[in-house]
Amino acid sequence: MFDVDLSCAKCGNHISQLPFQPNSDRPVYCADCNRAYRDSNRGSGGGRSGGGFSRGPRQMFDVNVDCAGCGAKITQLPFQPTGDKPVYCRDCMQARRNG
């Protein structure tokens, strides 16, 4: 914990300890304001997947490229390839991740 002498940017309450070293370019909020913010944003579609949040459907891009691993035709990707990196099909990408 870091000892500080700050005021909450939202409610103005005094903050004497934080679990991180604050820097001057970001506002600091007390535990109550942080908790209220997190609670109000639960289930609103933002945040991490797997934690009860949903991003909605992922944008897919129609492409016509060959897999750099096996040569299979790839017709859709979750990103627009730029041509400067190899593109792999789902099976080859999984094999590369698993080493």
PDB file of N, CA and C in Angstrom:
ATOM      1  N   MET A   1       0.836  -1.177   0.000  1.00  0.00           N
ATOM      2  CA  MET A   1       0.000   0.000   0.000  1.00  0.00           C
ATOM      3  C   MET A   1       0.884   1.245   0.000  1.00  0.00           C
ATOM      4  N   PHE A   2       0.381   2.292  -0.638  1.00  0.00           N
ATOM      5  CA  PHE A   2       1.105   3.553  -0.702  1.00  0.00           C
ATOM      6  C   PHE A   2       0.369   4.596   0.133  1.00  0.00           C
ATOM      7  N   ASP A   3       1.090   5.262   1.005  1.00  0.00           N
ATOM      8  CA  ASP A   3       0.520   6.353   1.788  1.00  0.00           C
ATOM      9  C   ASP A   3       0.439   7.590   0.911  1.00  0.00           C
ATOM     10  N   VAL A   4      -0.752   8.169   0.829  1.00  0.00           N
ATOM     11  CA  VAL A   4      -0.967   9.361   0.011  1.00  0.00           C
ATOM     12  C   VAL A   4      -1.810  10.367   0.785  1.00  0.00           C
ATOM     13  N   ASP A   5      -1.870  11.553   0.293  1.00  0.00           N
ATOM     14  CA  ASP A   5      -2.719  12.591   0.862  1.00  0.00           C
ATOM     15  C   ASP A   5      -3.461  13.231  -0.311  1.00  0.00           C
ATOM     16  N   LEU A   6      -4.554  12.573  -0.741  1.00  0.00           N
ATOM     17  CA  LEU A   6      -5.300  12.989  -1.926  1.00  0.00           C
ATOM     18  C   LEU A   6      -6.782  13.086  -1.622  1.00  0.00           C
ATOM     19  N   SER A   7      -7.508  13.689  -2.551  1.00  0.00           N
ATOM     20  CA  SER A   7      -8.966  13.732  -2.482  1.00  0.00           C
ATOM     21  C   SER A   7      -9.521  12.977  -3.676  1.00  0.00           C
ATOM     22  N   CYS A   8     -10.629  12.289  -3.469  1.00  0.00           N
ATOM     23  CA  CYS A   8     -11.307  11.561  -4.531  1.00  0.00           C
ATOM     24  C   CYS A   8     -11.741  12.556  -5.610  1.00  0.00           C
ATOM     25  N   ALA A   9     -11.473  12.231  -6.854  1.00  0.00           N
ATOM     26  CA  ALA A   9     -11.817  13.125  -7.962  1.00  0.00           C
ATOM     27  C   ALA A   9     -13.321  13.220  -8.176  1.00  0.00           C
ATOM     28  N   LYS A  10     -14.086  12.282  -7.618  1.00  0.00           N
ATOM     29  CA  LYS A  10     -15.537  12.314  -7.799  1.00  0.00           C
ATOM     30  C   LYS A  10     -16.267  12.924  -6.607  1.00  0.00           C
ATOM     31  N   CYS A  11     -16.017  12.428  -5.408  1.00  0.00           N
ATOM     32  CA  CYS A  11     -16.794  12.874  -4.244  1.00  0.00           C
ATOM     33  C   CYS A  11     -16.022  13.814  -3.316  1.00  0.00           C
ATOM     34  N   GLY A  12     -14.699  13.887  -3.477  1.00  0.00           N
ATOM     35  CA  GLY A  12     -13.906  14.780  -2.651  1.00  0.00           C
ATOM     36  C   GLY A  12     -13.449  14.197  -1.327  1.00  0.00           C
ATOM     37  N   ASN A  13     -13.838  12.955  -1.007  1.00  0.00           N
ATOM     38  CA  ASN A  13     -13.405  12.337   0.251  1.00  0.00           C
ATOM     39  C   ASN A  13     -11.891  12.190   0.284  1.00  0.00           C
ATOM     40  N   HIS A  14     -11.328  12.257   1.483  1.00  0.00           N
ATOM     41  CA  HIS A  14      -9.889  12.123   1.669  1.00  0.00           C
ATOM     42  C   HIS A  14      -9.462  10.683   1.420  1.00  0.00           C
ATOM     43  N   ILE A  15      -8.337  10.510   0.741  1.00  0.00           N
ATOM     44  CA  ILE A  15      -7.743   9.197   0.488  1.00  0.00           C
ATOM     45  C   ILE A  15      -6.367   9.200   1.129  1.00  0.00           C
ATOM     46  N   SER A  16      -6.131   8.237   2.035  1.00  0.00           N
ATOM     47  CA  SER A  16      -4.838   8.187   2.718  1.00  0.00           C
ATOM     48  C   SER A  16      -3.973   7.022   2.265  1.00  0.00           C
ATOM     49  N   GLN A  17      -4.584   5.981   1.660  1.00  0.00           N
ATOM     50  CA  GLN A  17      -3.807   4.837   1.170  1.00  0.00           C
ATOM     51  C   GLN A  17      -4.399   4.338  -0.139  1.00  0.00           C
ATOM     52  N   LEU A  18      -3.498   3.899  -1.019  1.00  0.00           N
ATOM     53  CA  LEU A  18      -3.885   3.325  -2.300  1.00  0.00           C
ATOM     54  C   LEU A  18      -3.064   2.062  -2.544  1.00  0.00           C
ATOM     55  N   PRO A  19      -3.607   1.105  -3.287  1.00  0.00           N
ATOM     56  CA  PRO A  19      -2.853  -0.121  -3.597  1.00  0.00           C
ATOM     57  C   PRO A  19      -1.893   0.080  -4.768  1.00  0.00           C
ATOM     58  N   PHE A  20      -1.751   1.303  -5.239  1.00  0.00           N
ATOM     59  CA  PHE A  20      -0.848   1.598  -6.352  1.00  0.00           C
ATOM     60  C   PHE A  20      -0.260   2.989  -6.145  1.00  0.00           C
ATOM     61  N   GLN A  21       0.835   3.260  -6.833  1.00  0.00           N
ATOM     62  CA  GLN A  21       1.448   4.580  -6.785  1.00  0.00           C
ATOM     63  C   GLN A  21       0.752   5.452  -7.821  1.00  0.00           C
ATOM     64  N   PRO A  22       0.020   6.480  -7.393  1.00  0.00           N
ATOM     65  CA  PRO A  22      -0.690   7.314  -8.365  1.00  0.00           C
ATOM     66  C   PRO A  22       0.283   8.203  -9.138  1.00  0.00           C
ATOM     67  N   ASN A  23      -0.134   8.572 -10.358  1.00  0.00           N
ATOM     68  CA  ASN A  23       0.647   9.558 -11.104  1.00  0.00           C
ATOM     69  C   ASN A  23      -0.264  10.734 -11.411  1.00  0.00           C
ATOM     70  N   SER A  24       0.286  11.821 -11.786  1.00  0.00           N
ATOM     71  CA  SER A  24      -0.478  13.064 -11.896  1.00  0.00           C
ATOM     72  C   SER A  24      -1.345  13.149 -13.143  1.00  0.00           C
ATOM     73  N   ASP A  25      -1.197  12.235 -14.094  1.00  0.00           N
ATOM     74  CA  ASP A  25      -1.966  12.359 -15.332  1.00  0.00           C
ATOM     75  C   ASP A  25      -3.322  11.638 -15.292  1.00  0.00           C
ATOM     76  N   ARG A  26      -3.669  11.002 -14.169  1.00  0.00           N
ATOM     77  CA  ARG A  26      -4.948  10.310 -14.069  1.00  0.00           C
ATOM     78  C   ARG A  26      -5.624  10.653 -12.746  1.00  0.00           C
ATOM     79  N   PRO A  27      -6.942  10.802 -12.769  1.00  0.00           N
ATOM     80  CA  PRO A  27      -7.653  11.079 -11.519  1.00  0.00           C
ATOM     81  C   PRO A  27      -7.653   9.852 -10.608  1.00  0.00           C
ATOM     82  N   VAL A  28      -7.789  10.078  -9.312  1.00  0.00           N
ATOM     83  CA  VAL A  28      -7.825   9.014  -8.322  1.00  0.00           C
ATOM     84  C   VAL A  28      -9.186   9.042  -7.641  1.00  0.00           C
ATOM     85  N   TYR A  29      -9.767   7.860  -7.459  1.00  0.00           N
ATOM     86  CA  TYR A  29     -11.090   7.740  -6.856  1.00  0.00           C
ATOM     87  C   TYR A  29     -11.008   6.903  -5.584  1.00  0.00           C
ATOM     88  N   CYS A  30     -11.894   7.225  -4.630  1.00  0.00           N
ATOM     89  CA  CYS A  30     -11.938   6.449  -3.392  1.00  0.00           C
ATOM     90  C   CYS A  30     -12.548   5.073  -3.669  1.00  0.00           C
ATOM     91  N   ALA A  31     -12.434   4.174  -2.708  1.00  0.00           N
ATOM     92  CA  ALA A  31     -12.939   2.811  -2.874  1.00  0.00           C
ATOM     93  C   ALA A  31     -14.442   2.793  -3.142  1.00  0.00           C
ATOM     94  N   ASP A  32     -15.200   3.655  -2.462  1.00  0.00           N
ATOM     95  CA  ASP A  32     -16.652   3.686  -2.656  1.00  0.00           C
ATOM     96  C   ASP A  32     -17.016   4.124  -4.076  1.00  0.00           C
ATOM     97  N   CYS A  33     -16.352   5.145  -4.597  1.00  0.00           N
ATOM     98  CA  CYS A  33     -16.639   5.606  -5.958  1.00  0.00           C
ATOM     99  C   CYS A  33     -16.207   4.574  -6.996  1.00  0.00           C
ATOM    100  N   ASN A  34     -15.060   3.914  -6.763  1.00  0.00           N
ATOM    101  CA  ASN A  34     -14.639   2.841  -7.661  1.00  0.00           C
ATOM    102  C   ASN A  34     -15.656   1.715  -7.675  1.00  0.00           C
ATOM    103  N   ARG A  35     -16.125   1.307  -6.511  1.00  0.00           N
ATOM    104  CA  ARG A  35     -17.106   0.220  -6.401  1.00  0.00           C
ATOM    105  C   ARG A  35     -18.409   0.601  -7.098  1.00  0.00           C
ATOM    106  N   ALA A  36     -18.881   1.822  -6.888  1.00  0.00           N
ATOM    107  CA  ALA A  36     -20.125   2.279  -7.519  1.00  0.00           C
ATOM    108  C   ALA A  36     -19.983   2.293  -9.038  1.00  0.00           C
ATOM    109  N   TYR A  37     -18.837   2.714  -9.528  1.00  0.00           N
ATOM    110  CA  TYR A  37     -18.591   2.743 -10.973  1.00  0.00           C
ATOM    111  C   TYR A  37     -18.603   1.332 -11.546  1.00  0.00           C
ATOM    112  N   ARG A  38     -17.901   0.408 -10.892  1.00  0.00           N
ATOM    113  CA  ARG A  38     -17.868  -0.983 -11.368  1.00  0.00           C
ATOM    114  C   ARG A  38     -19.256  -1.598 -11.355  1.00  0.00           C
ATOM    115  N   ASP A  39     -20.008  -1.374 -10.269  1.00  0.00           N
ATOM    116  CA  ASP A  39     -21.351  -1.945 -10.157  1.00  0.00           C
ATOM    117  C   ASP A  39     -22.289  -1.386 -11.218  1.00  0.00           C
ATOM    118  N   SER A  40     -22.166  -0.105 -11.537  1.00  0.00           N
ATOM    119  CA  SER A  40     -23.061   0.503 -12.522  1.00  0.00           C
ATOM    120  C   SER A  40     -22.736   0.061 -13.939  1.00  0.00           C
ATOM    121  N   ASN A  41     -21.512  -0.405 -14.176  1.00  0.00           N
ATOM    122  CA  ASN A  41     -21.115  -0.828 -15.520  1.00  0.00           C
ATOM    123  C   ASN A  41     -21.183  -2.328 -15.731  1.00  0.00           C
ATOM    124  N   ARG A  42     -21.553  -3.085 -14.732  1.00  0.00           N
ATOM    125  CA  ARG A  42     -21.671  -4.534 -14.894  1.00  0.00           C
ATOM    126  C   ARG A  42     -22.785  -4.850 -15.870  1.00  0.00           C
ATOM    127  N   GLY A  43     -22.461  -5.728 -16.830  1.00  0.00           N
ATOM    128  CA  GLY A  43     -23.465  -6.170 -17.781  1.00  0.00           C
ATOM    129  C   GLY A  43     -23.830  -5.140 -18.830  1.00  0.00           C
ATOM    130  N   SER A  44     -23.057  -4.062 -18.944  1.00  0.00           N
ATOM    131  CA  SER A  44     -23.398  -3.026 -19.911  1.00  0.00           C
ATOM    132  C   SER A  44     -22.767  -3.267 -21.275  1.00  0.00           C
ATOM    133  N   GLY A  45     -22.081  -4.403 -21.430  1.00  0.00           N
ATOM    134  CA  GLY A  45     -21.492  -4.716 -22.719  1.00  0.00           C
ATOM    135  C   GLY A  45     -20.015  -4.404 -22.813  1.00  0.00           C
ATOM    136  N   GLY A  46     -19.440  -3.726 -21.827  1.00  0.00           N
ATOM    137  CA  GLY A  46     -18.017  -3.413 -21.872  1.00  0.00           C
ATOM    138  C   GLY A  46     -17.248  -4.295 -20.927  1.00  0.00           C
ATOM    139  N   GLY A  47     -15.946  -4.227 -21.006  1.00  0.00           N
ATOM    140  CA  GLY A  47     -15.122  -4.972 -20.062  1.00  0.00           C
ATOM    141  C   GLY A  47     -14.587  -6.262 -20.624  1.00  0.00           C
ATOM    142  N   ARG A  48     -14.092  -7.093 -19.732  1.00  0.00           N
ATOM    143  CA  ARG A  48     -13.439  -8.334 -20.131  1.00  0.00           C
ATOM    144  C   ARG A  48     -14.448  -9.424 -20.405  1.00  0.00           C
ATOM    145  N   SER A  49     -14.141 -10.259 -21.382  1.00  0.00           N
ATOM    146  CA  SER A  49     -14.981 -11.421 -21.628  1.00  0.00           C
ATOM    147  C   SER A  49     -14.650 -12.470 -20.576  1.00  0.00           C
ATOM    148  N   GLY A  50     -15.600 -13.298 -20.236  1.00  0.00           N
ATOM    149  CA  GLY A  50     -15.398 -14.318 -19.226  1.00  0.00           C
ATOM    150  C   GLY A  50     -15.722 -13.841 -17.834  1.00  0.00           C
ATOM    151  N   GLY A  51     -15.896 -12.555 -17.621  1.00  0.00           N
ATOM    152  CA  GLY A  51     -16.201 -12.014 -16.317  1.00  0.00           C
ATOM    153  C   GLY A  51     -17.633 -11.535 -16.216  1.00  0.00           C
ATOM    154  N   GLY A  52     -18.526 -12.093 -17.041  1.00  0.00           N
ATOM    155  CA  GLY A  52     -19.905 -11.679 -17.023  1.00  0.00           C
ATOM    156  C   GLY A  52     -20.196 -10.555 -17.990  1.00  0.00           C
ATOM    157  N   PHE A  53     -19.199 -10.165 -18.760  1.00  0.00           N
ATOM    158  CA  PHE A  53     -19.385  -9.096 -19.729  1.00  0.00           C
ATOM    159  C   PHE A  53     -19.453  -9.689 -21.126  1.00  0.00           C
ATOM    160  N   SER A  54     -20.181  -9.023 -21.998  1.00  0.00           N
ATOM    161  CA  SER A  54     -20.295  -9.481 -23.372  1.00  0.00           C
ATOM    162  C   SER A  54     -19.931  -8.352 -24.314  1.00  0.00           C
ATOM    163  N   ARG A  55     -19.074  -8.617 -25.261  1.00  0.00           N
ATOM    164  CA  ARG A  55     -18.691  -7.608 -26.241  1.00  0.00           C
ATOM    165  C   ARG A  55     -19.656  -7.593 -27.417  1.00  0.00           C
ATOM    166  N   GLY A  56     -20.496  -8.600 -27.510  1.00  0.00           N
ATOM    167  CA  GLY A  56     -21.378  -8.701 -28.662  1.00  0.00           C
ATOM    168  C   GLY A  56     -20.671  -9.445 -29.780  1.00  0.00           C
ATOM    169  N   PRO A  57     -21.284  -9.512 -30.937  1.00  0.00           N
ATOM    170  CA  PRO A  57     -20.668 -10.260 -32.042  1.00  0.00           C
ATOM    171  C   PRO A  57     -19.388  -9.583 -32.522  1.00  0.00           C
ATOM    172  N   ARG A  58     -18.420 -10.399 -32.858  1.00  0.00           N
ATOM    173  CA  ARG A  58     -17.139  -9.893 -33.327  1.00  0.00           C
ATOM    174  C   ARG A  58     -17.235  -9.543 -34.805  1.00  0.00           C
ATOM    175  N   GLN A  59     -16.641  -8.421 -35.190  1.00  0.00           N
ATOM    176  CA  GLN A  59     -16.642  -8.041 -36.594  1.00  0.00           C
ATOM    177  C   GLN A  59     -15.721  -8.980 -37.348  1.00  0.00           C
ATOM    178  N   MET A  60     -16.227  -9.512 -38.452  1.00  0.00           N
ATOM    179  CA  MET A  60     -15.434 -10.392 -39.294  1.00  0.00           C
ATOM    180  C   MET A  60     -15.191  -9.708 -40.635  1.00  0.00           C
ATOM    181  N   PHE A  61     -14.031  -9.980 -41.225  1.00  0.00           N
ATOM    182  CA  PHE A  61     -13.663  -9.397 -42.504  1.00  0.00           C
ATOM    183  C   PHE A  61     -13.625 -10.498 -43.554  1.00  0.00           C
ATOM    184  N   ASP A  62     -14.269 -10.258 -44.681  1.00  0.00           N
ATOM    185  CA  ASP A  62     -14.220 -11.195 -45.803  1.00  0.00           C
ATOM    186  C   ASP A  62     -12.887 -11.026 -46.506  1.00  0.00           C
ATOM    187  N   VAL A  63     -12.155 -12.137 -46.627  1.00  0.00           N
ATOM    188  CA  VAL A  63     -10.830 -12.112 -47.245  1.00  0.00           C
ATOM    189  C   VAL A  63     -10.710 -13.282 -48.214  1.00  0.00           C
ATOM    190  N   ASN A  64      -9.661 -13.277 -48.986  1.00  0.00           N
ATOM    191  CA  ASN A  64      -9.352 -14.389 -49.877  1.00  0.00           C
ATOM    192  C   ASN A  64      -7.845 -14.585 -49.827  1.00  0.00           C
ATOM    193  N   VAL A  65      -7.380 -15.293 -48.761  1.00  0.00           N
ATOM    194  CA  VAL A  65      -5.948 -15.519 -48.566  1.00  0.00           C
ATOM    195  C   VAL A  65      -5.699 -17.000 -48.313  1.00  0.00           C
ATOM    196  N   ASP A  66      -4.457 -17.396 -48.515  1.00  0.00           N
ATOM    197  CA  ASP A  66      -4.041 -18.759 -48.236  1.00  0.00           C
ATOM    198  C   ASP A  66      -3.348 -18.813 -46.887  1.00  0.00           C
ATOM    199  N   CYS A  67      -3.595 -19.892 -46.132  1.00  0.00           N
ATOM    200  CA  CYS A  67      -2.936 -20.107 -44.854  1.00  0.00           C
ATOM    201  C   CYS A  67      -1.441 -20.252 -45.083  1.00  0.00           C
ATOM    202  N   ALA A  68      -0.645 -19.540 -44.294  1.00  0.00           N
ATOM    203  CA  ALA A  68       0.810 -19.605 -44.415  1.00  0.00           C
ATOM    204  C   ALA A  68       1.357 -20.939 -43.929  1.00  0.00           C
ATOM    205  N   GLY A  69       0.545 -21.709 -43.194  1.00  0.00           N
ATOM    206  CA  GLY A  69       1.008 -22.997 -42.687  1.00  0.00           C
ATOM    207  C   GLY A  69       0.678 -24.167 -43.590  1.00  0.00           C
ATOM    208  N   CYS A  70      -0.591 -24.279 -43.983  1.00  0.00           N
ATOM    209  CA  CYS A  70      -1.022 -25.452 -44.742  1.00  0.00           C
ATOM    210  C   CYS A  70      -1.541 -25.122 -46.136  1.00  0.00           C
ATOM    211  N   GLY A  71      -1.709 -23.850 -46.449  1.00  0.00           N
ATOM    212  CA  GLY A  71      -2.156 -23.459 -47.776  1.00  0.00           C
ATOM    213  C   GLY A  71      -3.663 -23.444 -47.971  1.00  0.00           C
ATOM    214  N   ALA A  72      -4.420 -23.758 -46.926  1.00  0.00           N
ATOM    215  CA  ALA A  72      -5.885 -23.774 -47.038  1.00  0.00           C
ATOM    216  C   ALA A  72      -6.400 -22.362 -47.325  1.00  0.00           C
ATOM    217  N   LYS A  73      -7.520 -22.289 -48.040  1.00  0.00           N
ATOM    218  CA  LYS A  73      -8.144 -20.996 -48.332  1.00  0.00           C
ATOM    219  C   LYS A  73      -8.804 -20.451 -47.072  1.00  0.00           C
ATOM    220  N   ILE A  74      -8.604 -19.180 -46.783  1.00  0.00           N
ATOM    221  CA  ILE A  74      -9.228 -18.501 -45.650  1.00  0.00           C
ATOM    222  C   ILE A  74     -10.154 -17.445 -46.229  1.00  0.00           C
ATOM    223  N   THR A  75     -11.422 -17.493 -45.824  1.00  0.00           N
ATOM    224  CA  THR A  75     -12.400 -16.564 -46.376  1.00  0.00           C
ATOM    225  C   THR A  75     -12.874 -15.520 -45.377  1.00  0.00           C
ATOM    226  N   GLN A  76     -12.684 -15.760 -44.071  1.00  0.00           N
ATOM    227  CA  GLN A  76     -13.068 -14.781 -43.058  1.00  0.00           C
ATOM    228  C   GLN A  76     -12.041 -14.743 -41.942  1.00  0.00           C
ATOM    229  N   LEU A  77     -11.789 -13.531 -41.450  1.00  0.00           N
ATOM    230  CA  LEU A  77     -10.866 -13.327 -40.337  1.00  0.00           C
ATOM    231  C   LEU A  77     -11.439 -12.279 -39.395  1.00  0.00           C
ATOM    232  N   PRO A  78     -11.065 -12.336 -38.105  1.00  0.00           N
ATOM    233  CA  PRO A  78     -11.531 -11.317 -37.155  1.00  0.00           C
ATOM    234  C   PRO A  78     -10.700 -10.030 -37.225  1.00  0.00           C
ATOM    235  N   PHE A  79      -9.859  -9.893 -38.244  1.00  0.00           N
ATOM    236  CA  PHE A  79      -9.053  -8.692 -38.452  1.00  0.00           C
ATOM    237  C   PHE A  79      -8.814  -8.535 -39.943  1.00  0.00           C
ATOM    238  N   GLN A  80      -8.442  -7.348 -40.341  1.00  0.00           N
ATOM    239  CA  GLN A  80      -8.115  -7.085 -41.741  1.00  0.00           C
ATOM    240  C   GLN A  80      -6.613  -7.290 -41.914  1.00  0.00           C
ATOM    241  N   PRO A  81      -6.178  -8.304 -42.668  1.00  0.00           N
ATOM    242  CA  PRO A  81      -4.742  -8.524 -42.822  1.00  0.00           C
ATOM    243  C   PRO A  81      -4.099  -7.379 -43.607  1.00  0.00           C
ATOM    244  N   THR A  82      -2.876  -7.043 -43.221  1.00  0.00           N
ATOM    245  CA  THR A  82      -2.169  -5.938 -43.870  1.00  0.00           C
ATOM    246  C   THR A  82      -1.156  -6.417 -44.897  1.00  0.00           C
ATOM    247  N   GLY A  83      -0.874  -7.719 -44.900  1.00  0.00           N
ATOM    248  CA  GLY A  83       0.068  -8.269 -45.861  1.00  0.00           C
ATOM    249  C   GLY A  83       1.498  -8.317 -45.369  1.00  0.00           C
ATOM    250  N   ASP A  84       1.790  -7.704 -44.226  1.00  0.00           N
ATOM    251  CA  ASP A  84       3.171  -7.701 -43.730  1.00  0.00           C
ATOM    252  C   ASP A  84       3.470  -8.850 -42.768  1.00  0.00           C
ATOM    253  N   LYS A  85       2.441  -9.630 -42.399  1.00  0.00           N
ATOM    254  CA  LYS A  85       2.617 -10.774 -41.505  1.00  0.00           C
ATOM    255  C   LYS A  85       1.884 -11.979 -42.083  1.00  0.00           C
ATOM    256  N   PRO A  86       2.368 -13.189 -41.778  1.00  0.00           N
ATOM    257  CA  PRO A  86       1.683 -14.382 -42.282  1.00  0.00           C
ATOM    258  C   PRO A  86       0.311 -14.540 -41.618  1.00  0.00           C
ATOM    259  N   VAL A  87      -0.606 -15.136 -42.347  1.00  0.00           N
ATOM    260  CA  VAL A  87      -1.959 -15.392 -41.847  1.00  0.00           C
ATOM    261  C   VAL A  87      -2.146 -16.908 -41.795  1.00  0.00           C
ATOM    262  N   TYR A  88      -2.679 -17.393 -40.665  1.00  0.00           N
ATOM    263  CA  TYR A  88      -2.853 -18.820 -40.467  1.00  0.00           C
ATOM    264  C   TYR A  88      -4.331 -19.162 -40.292  1.00  0.00           C
ATOM    265  N   CYS A  89      -4.717 -20.357 -40.736  1.00  0.00           N
ATOM    266  CA  CYS A  89      -6.070 -20.845 -40.499  1.00  0.00           C
ATOM    267  C   CYS A  89      -6.205 -21.178 -39.013  1.00  0.00           C
ATOM    268  N   ARG A  90      -7.414 -21.455 -38.587  1.00  0.00           N
ATOM    269  CA  ARG A  90      -7.675 -21.726 -37.172  1.00  0.00           C
ATOM    270  C   ARG A  90      -6.846 -22.904 -36.656  1.00  0.00           C
ATOM    271  N   ASP A  91      -6.786 -23.987 -37.426  1.00  0.00           N
ATOM    272  CA  ASP A  91      -6.041 -25.170 -36.980  1.00  0.00           C
ATOM    273  C   ASP A  91      -4.537 -24.908 -36.864  1.00  0.00           C
ATOM    274  N   CYS A  92      -3.962 -24.231 -37.859  1.00  0.00           N
ATOM    275  CA  CYS A  92      -2.536 -23.932 -37.815  1.00  0.00           C
ATOM    276  C   CYS A  92      -2.214 -22.939 -36.696  1.00  0.00           C
ATOM    277  N   MET A  93      -3.093 -21.974 -36.468  1.00  0.00           N
ATOM    278  CA  MET A  93      -2.857 -20.996 -35.403  1.00  0.00           C
ATOM    279  C   MET A  93      -2.896 -21.694 -34.040  1.00  0.00           C
ATOM    280  N   GLN A  94      -3.847 -22.600 -33.861  1.00  0.00           N
ATOM    281  CA  GLN A  94      -3.944 -23.350 -32.609  1.00  0.00           C
ATOM    282  C   GLN A  94      -2.693 -24.208 -32.393  1.00  0.00           C
ATOM    283  N   ALA A  95      -2.222 -24.855 -33.462  1.00  0.00           N
ATOM    284  CA  ALA A  95      -1.009 -25.681 -33.370  1.00  0.00           C
ATOM    285  C   ALA A  95       0.198 -24.823 -33.004  1.00  0.00           C
ATOM    286  N   ARG A  96       0.292 -23.619 -33.551  1.00  0.00           N
ATOM    287  CA  ARG A  96       1.412 -22.721 -33.234  1.00  0.00           C
ATOM    288  C   ARG A  96       1.355 -22.277 -31.777  1.00  0.00           C
ATOM    289  N   ARG A  97       0.151 -22.022 -31.273  1.00  0.00           N
ATOM    290  CA  ARG A  97       0.003 -21.600 -29.878  1.00  0.00           C
ATOM    291  C   ARG A  97       0.377 -22.708 -28.906  1.00  0.00           C
ATOM    292  N   ASN A  98       0.040 -23.939 -29.271  1.00  0.00           N
ATOM    293  CA  ASN A  98       0.309 -25.066 -28.380  1.00  0.00           C
ATOM    294  C   ASN A  98       1.731 -25.582 -28.486  1.00  0.00           C
ATOM    295  N   GLY A  99       2.500 -24.975 -29.359  1.00  0.00           N
ATOM    296  CA  GLY A  99       3.919 -25.262 -29.467  1.00  0.00           C
ATOM    297  C   GLY A  99       4.223 -26.538 -30.146  1.00  0.00           C
TER     298      GLY A  99
END
